C-alpha atoms as a PDB file:
ATOM      1  CA  UNK A   1     -11.694 -15.947  -6.459  1.00  0.00           C
ATOM      2  CA  UNK A   2     -14.046 -15.102  -2.983  1.00  0.00           C
ATOM      3  CA  UNK A   3     -17.543 -13.381  -4.066  1.00  0.00           C
ATOM      4  CA  UNK A   4     -16.511 -11.853  -7.107  1.00  0.00           C
ATOM      5  CA  UNK A   5     -12.702 -10.896  -6.118  1.00  0.00           C
ATOM      6  CA  UNK A   6      -9.684 -11.935  -6.592  1.00  0.00           C
ATOM      7  CA  UNK A   7      -7.154 -13.308  -4.260  1.00  0.00           C
ATOM      8  CA  UNK A   8      -3.462 -13.810  -4.202  1.00  0.00           C
ATOM      9  CA  UNK A   9      -1.946 -15.602  -1.353  1.00  0.00           C
ATOM     10  CA  UNK A  10       1.807 -14.113  -0.588  1.00  0.00           C
ATOM     11  CA  UNK A  11       4.816 -16.587   0.741  1.00  0.00           C
ATOM     12  CA  UNK A  12       8.071 -15.375   1.762  1.00  0.00           C
ATOM     13  CA  UNK A  13      10.411 -18.116   1.786  1.00  0.00           C
ATOM     14  CA  UNK A  14      13.854 -18.487   3.198  1.00  0.00           C
ATOM     15  CA  UNK A  15      14.148 -21.983   4.834  1.00  0.00           C
ATOM     16  CA  UNK A  16      10.715 -23.606   4.284  1.00  0.00           C
ATOM     17  CA  UNK A  17      11.930 -26.114   1.269  1.00  0.00           C
ATOM     18  CA  UNK A  18      10.310 -29.302   3.158  1.00  0.00           C
ATOM     19  CA  UNK A  19       6.942 -27.630   3.472  1.00  0.00           C
ATOM     20  CA  UNK A  20       6.447 -24.984   0.735  1.00  0.00           C
ATOM     21  CA  UNK A  21       5.068 -27.214  -1.725  1.00  0.00           C
ATOM     22  CA  UNK A  22       2.444 -28.849   0.221  1.00  0.00           C
ATOM     23  CA  UNK A  23       1.179 -25.416   1.762  1.00  0.00           C
ATOM     24  CA  UNK A  24       1.189 -23.763  -1.766  1.00  0.00           C
ATOM     25  CA  UNK A  25      -1.092 -27.145  -2.966  1.00  0.00           C
ATOM     26  CA  UNK A  26      -3.214 -26.926   0.124  1.00  0.00           C
ATOM     27  CA  UNK A  27      -3.879 -23.271  -0.369  1.00  0.00           C
ATOM     28  CA  UNK A  28      -5.069 -23.891  -4.367  1.00  0.00           C
ATOM     29  CA  UNK A  29      -7.052 -26.562  -3.159  1.00  0.00           C
ATOM     30  CA  UNK A  30      -9.170 -23.998  -0.979  1.00  0.00           C
ATOM     31  CA  UNK A  31     -10.984 -22.965  -4.389  1.00  0.00           C
ATOM     32  CA  UNK A  32     -10.956 -19.238  -3.811  1.00  0.00           C
ATOM     33  CA  UNK A  33      -7.040 -18.353  -4.555  1.00  0.00           C
ATOM     34  CA  UNK A  34      -6.351 -16.829  -7.705  1.00  0.00           C
ATOM     35  CA  UNK A  35      -2.526 -16.718  -7.489  1.00  0.00           C
ATOM     36  CA  UNK A  36       0.028 -17.824  -5.267  1.00  0.00           C
ATOM     37  CA  UNK A  37       3.435 -15.334  -5.284  1.00  0.00           C
ATOM     38  CA  UNK A  38       6.564 -17.022  -3.495  1.00  0.00           C
ATOM     39  CA  UNK A  39       9.212 -14.598  -2.849  1.00  0.00           C
ATOM     40  CA  UNK A  40      12.474 -16.362  -2.812  1.00  0.00           C
ATOM     41  CA  UNK A  41      14.793 -14.563   0.018  1.00  0.00           C
ATOM     42  CA  UNK A  42      18.089 -16.162  -0.588  1.00  0.00           C
ATOM     43  CA  UNK A  43      16.143 -19.511   0.039  1.00  0.00           C
ATOM     44  CA  UNK A  44      17.417 -22.820   0.561  1.00  0.00           C
ATOM     45  CA  UNK A  45      18.913 -24.518  -1.996  1.00  0.00           C
ATOM     46  CA  UNK A  46      16.060 -26.638  -3.942  1.00  0.00           C
ATOM     47  CA  UNK A  47      13.536 -24.303  -3.084  1.00  0.00           C
ATOM     48  CA  UNK A  48      12.869 -23.095  -6.342  1.00  0.00           C
ATOM     49  CA  UNK A  49      12.508 -26.788  -7.653  1.00  0.00           C
ATOM     50  CA  UNK A  50       9.666 -27.510  -5.212  1.00  0.00           C
ATOM     51  CA  UNK A  51       7.913 -24.133  -6.264  1.00  0.00           C
ATOM     52  CA  UNK A  52       8.173 -24.921  -9.939  1.00  0.00           C
ATOM     53  CA  UNK A  53       6.267 -28.352  -9.195  1.00  0.00           C
ATOM     54  CA  UNK A  54       2.999 -26.216  -8.604  1.00  0.00           C
ATOM     55  CA  UNK A  55       1.056 -23.469  -9.937  1.00  0.00           C
ATOM     56  CA  UNK A  56       2.709 -20.765  -7.833  1.00  0.00           C
ATOM     57  CA  UNK A  57       4.937 -17.762  -9.389  1.00  0.00           C
ATOM     58  CA  UNK A  58       8.013 -17.246  -7.827  1.00  0.00           C
ATOM     59  CA  UNK A  59       9.931 -13.741  -7.805  1.00  0.00           C
ATOM     60  CA  UNK A  60      13.275 -13.113  -6.414  1.00  0.00           C
ATOM     61  CA  UNK A  61      13.864 -10.552  -3.403  1.00  0.00           C
ATOM     62  CA  UNK A  62      18.135 -10.472  -3.000  1.00  0.00           C
ATOM     63  CA  UNK A  63      17.810  -8.203   0.021  1.00  0.00           C
ATOM     64  CA  UNK A  64      17.848 -10.463   2.756  1.00  0.00           C
ATOM     65  CA  UNK A  65      15.080 -10.083   5.661  1.00  0.00           C
ATOM     66  CA  UNK A  66      11.319 -11.010   6.173  1.00  0.00           C
ATOM     67  CA  UNK A  67      10.069  -7.732   5.766  1.00  0.00           C
ATOM     68  CA  UNK A  68      11.978  -6.849   2.429  1.00  0.00           C
ATOM     69  CA  UNK A  69      10.571 -10.006   1.107  1.00  0.00           C
ATOM     70  CA  UNK A  70       6.954  -9.289   2.352  1.00  0.00           C
ATOM     71  CA  UNK A  71       7.345  -5.924   0.878  1.00  0.00           C
ATOM     72  CA  UNK A  72       8.450  -7.566  -2.560  1.00  0.00           C
ATOM     73  CA  UNK A  73       5.485  -9.939  -2.489  1.00  0.00           C
ATOM     74  CA  UNK A  74       2.944  -7.353  -1.630  1.00  0.00           C
ATOM     75  CA  UNK A  75       4.089  -5.323  -4.280  1.00  0.00           C
ATOM     76  CA  UNK A  76       3.934  -8.307  -6.774  1.00  0.00           C
ATOM     77  CA  UNK A  77       0.143  -9.350  -5.914  1.00  0.00           C
ATOM     78  CA  UNK A  78      -2.632  -8.893  -8.203  1.00  0.00           C
ATOM     79  CA  UNK A  79      -5.402  -9.887  -6.359  1.00  0.00           C
ATOM     80  CA  UNK A  80      -8.275  -7.773  -4.859  1.00  0.00           C
ATOM     81  CA  UNK A  81      -7.028  -9.446  -1.762  1.00  0.00           C
ATOM     82  CA  UNK A  82      -3.974 -10.260  -0.472  1.00  0.00           C
ATOM     83  CA  UNK A  83      -3.399 -12.994   2.223  1.00  0.00           C
ATOM     84  CA  UNK A  84       0.757 -13.026   3.598  1.00  0.00           C
ATOM     85  CA  UNK A  85       1.614 -16.066   5.190  1.00  0.00           C
ATOM     86  CA  UNK A  86       4.579 -18.175   5.770  1.00  0.00           C
ATOM     87  CA  UNK A  87       5.178 -21.634   4.110  1.00  0.00           C
ATOM     88  CA  UNK A  88       6.701 -23.399   7.151  1.00  0.00           C
ATOM     89  CA  UNK A  89       4.294 -25.559   8.220  1.00  0.00           C
ATOM     90  CA  UNK A  90       2.727 -23.803  11.066  1.00  0.00           C
ATOM     91  CA  UNK A  91      -0.288 -22.451   9.071  1.00  0.00           C
ATOM     92  CA  UNK A  92      -3.342 -24.332   8.139  1.00  0.00           C
ATOM     93  CA  UNK A  93      -4.460 -23.367   4.158  1.00  0.00           C
ATOM     94  CA  UNK A  94      -7.977 -23.144   5.027  1.00  0.00           C
ATOM     95  CA  UNK A  95      -7.571 -20.401   7.669  1.00  0.00           C
ATOM     96  CA  UNK A  96      -7.343 -18.342   4.387  1.00  0.00           C
ATOM     97  CA  UNK A  97     -11.287 -19.329   4.136  1.00  0.00           C
ATOM     98  CA  UNK A  98     -11.522 -17.575   7.783  1.00  0.00           C
ATOM     99  CA  UNK A  99      -9.582 -14.486   7.138  1.00  0.00           C
ATOM    100  CA  UNK A 100     -12.077 -14.113   3.819  1.00  0.00           C
ATOM    101  CA  UNK A 101     -14.982 -14.216   6.000  1.00  0.00           C
ATOM    102  CA  UNK A 102     -14.027 -11.225   7.529  1.00  0.00           C
ATOM    103  CA  UNK A 103     -12.718  -9.134   4.749  1.00  0.00           C
ATOM    104  CA  UNK A 104     -16.068  -7.630   3.523  1.00  0.00           C
ATOM    105  CA  UNK A 105     -16.153  -5.732   6.934  1.00  0.00           C
ATOM    106  CA  UNK A 106     -12.719  -5.119   7.802  1.00  0.00           C
ATOM    107  CA  UNK A 107      -9.800  -3.612   5.483  1.00  0.00           C
ATOM    108  CA  UNK A 108      -6.991  -5.707   7.603  1.00  0.00           C
ATOM    109  CA  UNK A 109      -7.623  -9.100   8.841  1.00  0.00           C
ATOM    110  CA  UNK A 110      -4.262 -10.241  11.272  1.00  0.00           C
ATOM    111  CA  UNK A 111      -4.302 -13.609  12.694  1.00  0.00           C
ATOM    112  CA  UNK A 112      -3.376 -14.574  16.458  1.00  0.00           C
ATOM    113  CA  UNK A 113      -1.462 -17.785  17.513  1.00  0.00           C
ATOM    114  CA  UNK A 114      -2.133 -17.433  21.041  1.00  0.00           C
ATOM    115  CA  UNK A 115      -5.668 -19.246  21.348  1.00  0.00           C
ATOM    116  CA  UNK A 116      -5.236 -22.024  23.349  1.00  0.00           C
ATOM    117  CA  UNK A 117      -7.630 -24.610  21.331  1.00  0.00           C
ATOM    118  CA  UNK A 118      -5.704 -23.614  18.348  1.00  0.00           C
ATOM    119  CA  UNK A 119      -2.399 -24.360  19.435  1.00  0.00           C
ATOM    120  CA  UNK A 120      -1.343 -27.831  18.273  1.00  0.00           C
ATOM    121  CA  UNK A 121       0.545 -30.440  19.877  1.00  0.00           C
ATOM    122  CA  UNK A 122       4.588 -29.834  19.051  1.00  0.00           C
ATOM    123  CA  UNK A 123       3.777 -26.214  18.230  1.00  0.00           C
ATOM    124  CA  UNK A 124       6.337 -23.615  19.267  1.00  0.00           C
ATOM    125  CA  UNK A 125       3.917 -21.575  21.073  1.00  0.00           C
ATOM    126  CA  UNK A 126       5.392 -22.282  24.990  1.00  0.00           C
ATOM    127  CA  UNK A 127       4.757 -19.672  27.823  1.00  0.00           C
ATOM    128  CA  UNK A 128       7.600 -17.190  27.125  1.00  0.00           C
ATOM    129  CA  UNK A 129       6.315 -16.529  23.363  1.00  0.00           C
ATOM    130  CA  UNK A 130       2.476 -16.941  24.203  1.00  0.00           C
ATOM    131  CA  UNK A 131       2.730 -14.213  26.843  1.00  0.00           C
ATOM    132  CA  UNK A 132       5.709 -12.249  25.504  1.00  0.00           C
ATOM    133  CA  UNK A 133       3.677 -11.890  22.045  1.00  0.00           C
ATOM    134  CA  UNK A 134       0.418 -10.923  23.962  1.00  0.00           C
ATOM    135  CA  UNK A 135       2.039  -8.640  25.917  1.00  0.00           C
ATOM    136  CA  UNK A 136       3.772  -6.277  23.267  1.00  0.00           C
ATOM    137  CA  UNK A 137       0.608  -6.644  21.957  1.00  0.00           C
ATOM    138  CA  UNK A 138      -1.615  -4.849  24.646  1.00  0.00           C
ATOM    139  CA  UNK A 139       1.276  -2.556  24.635  1.00  0.00           C
ATOM    140  CA  UNK A 140       0.391  -1.666  21.088  1.00  0.00           C
ATOM    141  CA  UNK A 141      -3.466  -1.794  22.122  1.00  0.00           C
ATOM    142  CA  UNK A 142      -3.472   0.865  24.466  1.00  0.00           C
ATOM    143  CA  UNK A 143      -0.950   3.533  22.947  1.00  0.00           C
ATOM    144  CA  UNK A 144      -2.662   3.114  19.845  1.00  0.00           C
ATOM    145  CA  UNK A 145      -6.613   2.647  21.199  1.00  0.00           C
ATOM    146  CA  UNK A 146      -6.655  -0.386  18.814  1.00  0.00           C
ATOM    147  CA  UNK A 147      -9.010  -3.245  18.750  1.00  0.00           C
ATOM    148  CA  UNK A 148      -8.542  -6.196  21.218  1.00  0.00           C
ATOM    149  CA  UNK A 149      -5.017  -7.741  20.013  1.00  0.00           C
ATOM    150  CA  UNK A 150      -3.080 -10.786  21.385  1.00  0.00           C
ATOM    151  CA  UNK A 151      -0.181 -11.235  19.382  1.00  0.00           C
ATOM    152  CA  UNK A 152       2.314  -9.004  17.400  1.00  0.00           C
ATOM    153  CA  UNK A 153       4.166 -12.135  15.949  1.00  0.00           C
ATOM    154  CA  UNK A 154       1.509 -14.002  13.593  1.00  0.00           C
ATOM    155  CA  UNK A 155       2.433 -13.441   9.743  1.00  0.00           C
ATOM    156  CA  UNK A 156      -0.652 -14.956   9.013  1.00  0.00           C
ATOM    157  CA  UNK A 157      -2.844 -11.817   7.498  1.00  0.00           C
ATOM    158  CA  UNK A 158      -5.287 -10.501   4.795  1.00  0.00           C
ATOM    159  CA  UNK A 159      -5.062  -6.718   3.518  1.00  0.00           C
ATOM    160  CA  UNK A 160      -7.404  -5.416   0.818  1.00  0.00           C
ATOM    161  CA  UNK A 161      -5.897  -3.846  -1.908  1.00  0.00           C
ATOM    162  CA  UNK A 162      -7.146  -0.265  -1.215  1.00  0.00           C
ATOM    163  CA  UNK A 163      -5.727  -0.474   2.128  1.00  0.00           C
ATOM    164  CA  UNK A 164      -2.471  -1.481   1.015  1.00  0.00           C
ATOM    165  CA  UNK A 165      -2.614   1.220  -1.350  1.00  0.00           C
ATOM    166  CA  UNK A 166      -2.638   3.531   1.519  1.00  0.00           C
ATOM    167  CA  UNK A 167      -0.146   2.436   3.567  1.00  0.00           C
ATOM    168  CA  UNK A 168       2.580   0.564   1.269  1.00  0.00           C
ATOM    169  CA  UNK A 169       4.488   3.841   0.699  1.00  0.00           C
ATOM    170  CA  UNK A 170       5.424   4.095   4.243  1.00  0.00           C
ATOM    171  CA  UNK A 171       6.563   0.615   4.940  1.00  0.00           C
ATOM    172  CA  UNK A 172      10.118   0.903   6.143  1.00  0.00           C
ATOM    173  CA  UNK A 173      11.048  -2.396   8.233  1.00  0.00           C
ATOM    174  CA  UNK A 174      13.104  -4.922   5.845  1.00  0.00           C
ATOM    175  CA  UNK A 175      13.769  -7.373   9.303  1.00  0.00           C
ATOM    176  CA  UNK A 176      11.483  -9.735  11.070  1.00  0.00           C
ATOM    177  CA  UNK A 177       9.668  -6.966  12.728  1.00  0.00           C
ATOM    178  CA  UNK A 178       8.047  -5.812   9.653  1.00  0.00           C
ATOM    179  CA  UNK A 179       4.619  -7.726  10.527  1.00  0.00           C
ATOM    180  CA  UNK A 180       4.172  -5.040  13.869  1.00  0.00           C
ATOM    181  CA  UNK A 181       5.117  -2.155  11.566  1.00  0.00           C
ATOM    182  CA  UNK A 182       2.337  -2.979   9.225  1.00  0.00           C
ATOM    183  CA  UNK A 183      -0.068  -3.087  12.143  1.00  0.00           C
ATOM    184  CA  UNK A 184       1.163   0.325  13.345  1.00  0.00           C
ATOM    185  CA  UNK A 185       0.366   1.562  10.196  1.00  0.00           C
ATOM    186  CA  UNK A 186      -2.963   0.470   9.489  1.00  0.00           C
ATOM    187  CA  UNK A 187      -4.193   1.786  12.581  1.00  0.00           C
ATOM    188  CA  UNK A 188      -2.427   5.395  12.353  1.00  0.00           C
ATOM    189  CA  UNK A 189      -4.307   5.760   8.785  1.00  0.00           C
ATOM    190  CA  UNK A 190      -7.491   4.661  10.310  1.00  0.00           C
ATOM    191  CA  UNK A 191      -8.378   1.298   8.661  1.00  0.00           C
ATOM    192  CA  UNK A 192     -10.751  -1.471   9.668  1.00  0.00           C
ATOM    193  CA  UNK A 193      -9.027  -3.738  11.600  1.00  0.00           C
ATOM    194  CA  UNK A 194      -9.760  -7.150  13.491  1.00  0.00           C
ATOM    195  CA  UNK A 195      -7.462  -9.845  14.909  1.00  0.00           C
ATOM    196  CA  UNK A 196      -8.766 -13.539  14.556  1.00  0.00           C
ATOM    197  CA  UNK A 197      -7.570 -16.593  16.162  1.00  0.00           C
ATOM    198  CA  UNK A 198      -5.633 -19.162  13.773  1.00  0.00           C
ATOM    199  CA  UNK A 199      -4.608 -22.797  13.877  1.00  0.00           C
ATOM    200  CA  UNK A 200      -0.508 -22.665  14.658  1.00  0.00           C
ATOM    201  CA  UNK A 201       1.012 -26.116  14.073  1.00  0.00           C
ATOM    202  CA  UNK A 202       4.616 -27.570  14.959  1.00  0.00           C
ATOM    203  CA  UNK A 203       6.932 -25.986  11.956  1.00  0.00           C
ATOM    204  CA  UNK A 204       8.842 -28.109   9.735  1.00  0.00           C
ATOM    205  CA  UNK A 205      12.237 -27.376  10.149  1.00  0.00           C
ATOM    206  CA  UNK A 206      13.605 -24.944  12.939  1.00  0.00           C
ATOM    207  CA  UNK A 207      12.826 -21.481  12.758  1.00  0.00           C
ATOM    208  CA  UNK A 208      15.748 -18.822  12.625  1.00  0.00           C
ATOM    209  CA  UNK A 209      14.034 -16.630  14.808  1.00  0.00           C
ATOM    210  CA  UNK A 210      11.538 -18.193  17.505  1.00  0.00           C
ATOM    211  CA  UNK A 211      13.805 -21.395  17.813  1.00  0.00           C
ATOM    212  CA  UNK A 212      16.073 -19.732  19.950  1.00  0.00           C
ATOM    213  CA  UNK A 213      14.385 -17.826  23.215  1.00  0.00           C
ATOM    214  CA  UNK A 214      17.185 -15.608  23.273  1.00  0.00           C
ATOM    215  CA  UNK A 215      16.622 -14.400  19.212  1.00  0.00           C
ATOM    216  CA  UNK A 216      12.845 -14.074  20.366  1.00  0.00           C
ATOM    217  CA  UNK A 217      13.548 -12.113  22.997  1.00  0.00           C
ATOM    218  CA  UNK A 218      15.811  -9.637  21.296  1.00  0.00           C
ATOM    219  CA  UNK A 219      13.153  -9.200  18.411  1.00  0.00           C
ATOM    220  CA  UNK A 220      10.770  -8.626  21.209  1.00  0.00           C
ATOM    221  CA  UNK A 221      12.790  -5.873  22.636  1.00  0.00           C
ATOM    222  CA  UNK A 222      13.171  -4.692  18.865  1.00  0.00           C
ATOM    223  CA  UNK A 223       9.239  -4.393  18.385  1.00  0.00           C
ATOM    224  CA  UNK A 224       8.816  -2.491  21.632  1.00  0.00           C
ATOM    225  CA  UNK A 225      11.356   0.367  20.365  1.00  0.00           C
ATOM    226  CA  UNK A 226       9.485   0.302  17.195  1.00  0.00           C
ATOM    227  CA  UNK A 227       5.957   0.855  18.801  1.00  0.00           C
ATOM    228  CA  UNK A 228       7.061   3.421  21.332  1.00  0.00           C
ATOM    229  CA  UNK A 229       8.741   5.468  18.662  1.00  0.00           C
ATOM    230  CA  UNK A 230       6.119   5.267  16.414  1.00  0.00           C
ATOM    231  CA  UNK A 231       3.544   6.947  18.863  1.00  0.00           C
ATOM    232  CA  UNK A 232       6.413   9.153  19.585  1.00  0.00           C
ATOM    233  CA  UNK A 233       6.246  10.125  15.980  1.00  0.00           C
ATOM    234  CA  UNK A 234       2.407  10.179  15.956  1.00  0.00           C
ATOM    235  CA  UNK A 235       2.282  12.375  18.811  1.00  0.00           C
ATOM    236  CA  UNK A 236       4.684  15.358  17.623  1.00  0.00           C
ATOM    237  CA  UNK A 237       2.928  15.098  14.265  1.00  0.00           C
ATOM    238  CA  UNK A 238      -0.556  15.912  16.338  1.00  0.00           C
ATOM    239  CA  UNK A 239       1.005  18.287  18.119  1.00  0.00           C
ATOM    240  CA  UNK A 240       2.872  20.300  15.141  1.00  0.00           C
ATOM    241  CA  UNK A 241      -0.782  19.963  13.365  1.00  0.00           C
ATOM    242  CA  UNK A 242      -2.382  21.716  15.997  1.00  0.00           C
ATOM    243  CA  UNK A 243       0.370  24.436  16.561  1.00  0.00           C
ATOM    244  CA  UNK A 244      -0.279  25.541  12.393  1.00  0.00           C
ATOM    245  CA  UNK A 245      -3.983  25.565  12.929  1.00  0.00           C
ATOM    246  CA  UNK A 246      -3.552  27.664  15.541  1.00  0.00           C
ATOM    247  CA  UNK A 247      -1.053  29.880  13.478  1.00  0.00           C
ATOM    248  CA  UNK A 248      -3.212  29.544  10.612  1.00  0.00           C
ATOM    249  CA  UNK A 249      -6.938  30.058  11.695  1.00  0.00           C
ATOM    250  CA  UNK A 250      -7.718  26.874   9.787  1.00  0.00           C
ATOM    251  CA  UNK A 251      -9.381  24.017  11.181  1.00  0.00           C
ATOM    252  CA  UNK A 252      -7.691  20.582  11.493  1.00  0.00           C
ATOM    253  CA  UNK A 253      -7.877  18.289   8.791  1.00  0.00           C
END
């Protein structure tokens, strides 16, 4: 519990058998986490056995994809604050406290992995991934006039329950670009948002996405397409709203 409010941590898992147990234990050791929800997304054999050795609760999400797993976990979590993270060894559990420190002032707290001082030796954050994430983040920042953004791919974040209830019904992405969709929705619905630096370490095992620059590049293009489509959609919606106002004579809502 954090200042009288309950805290849930949601961990989507696919290929994190070698790291998930330790991360769960580290998260619970912070002393502020009331619930850990593990979303088994067709995970590697033996993952459930590792989770069973902890106090975490496991749920099964058969639809393959990071977005589907994350959305299931967000729906299952019961906390007033919900932290989303990947249990692959790249994140440091104590950064949950860092996210919570901003929770009273912001509806959503996004992490960024691009702070040089917090990128650990061996972390998969070379020139291509770091500046590619930065460039796409800046595109989002400019198009949506958002808070300062330096990373669109960081999967460690916190959202309050009221904020989640405002945007959850609008989730559509089931794949790896769910993270940017969540960011876009938080901006579009006027949520108070900030992005803060978090630690980023070497992954335990190989990532199916960032382990290949080719796959990461393709994901980046998909993120850009999502951002541009989202911006176009919101512009069209605003123009339609203005036309309705002119026809009816009502003030815009």
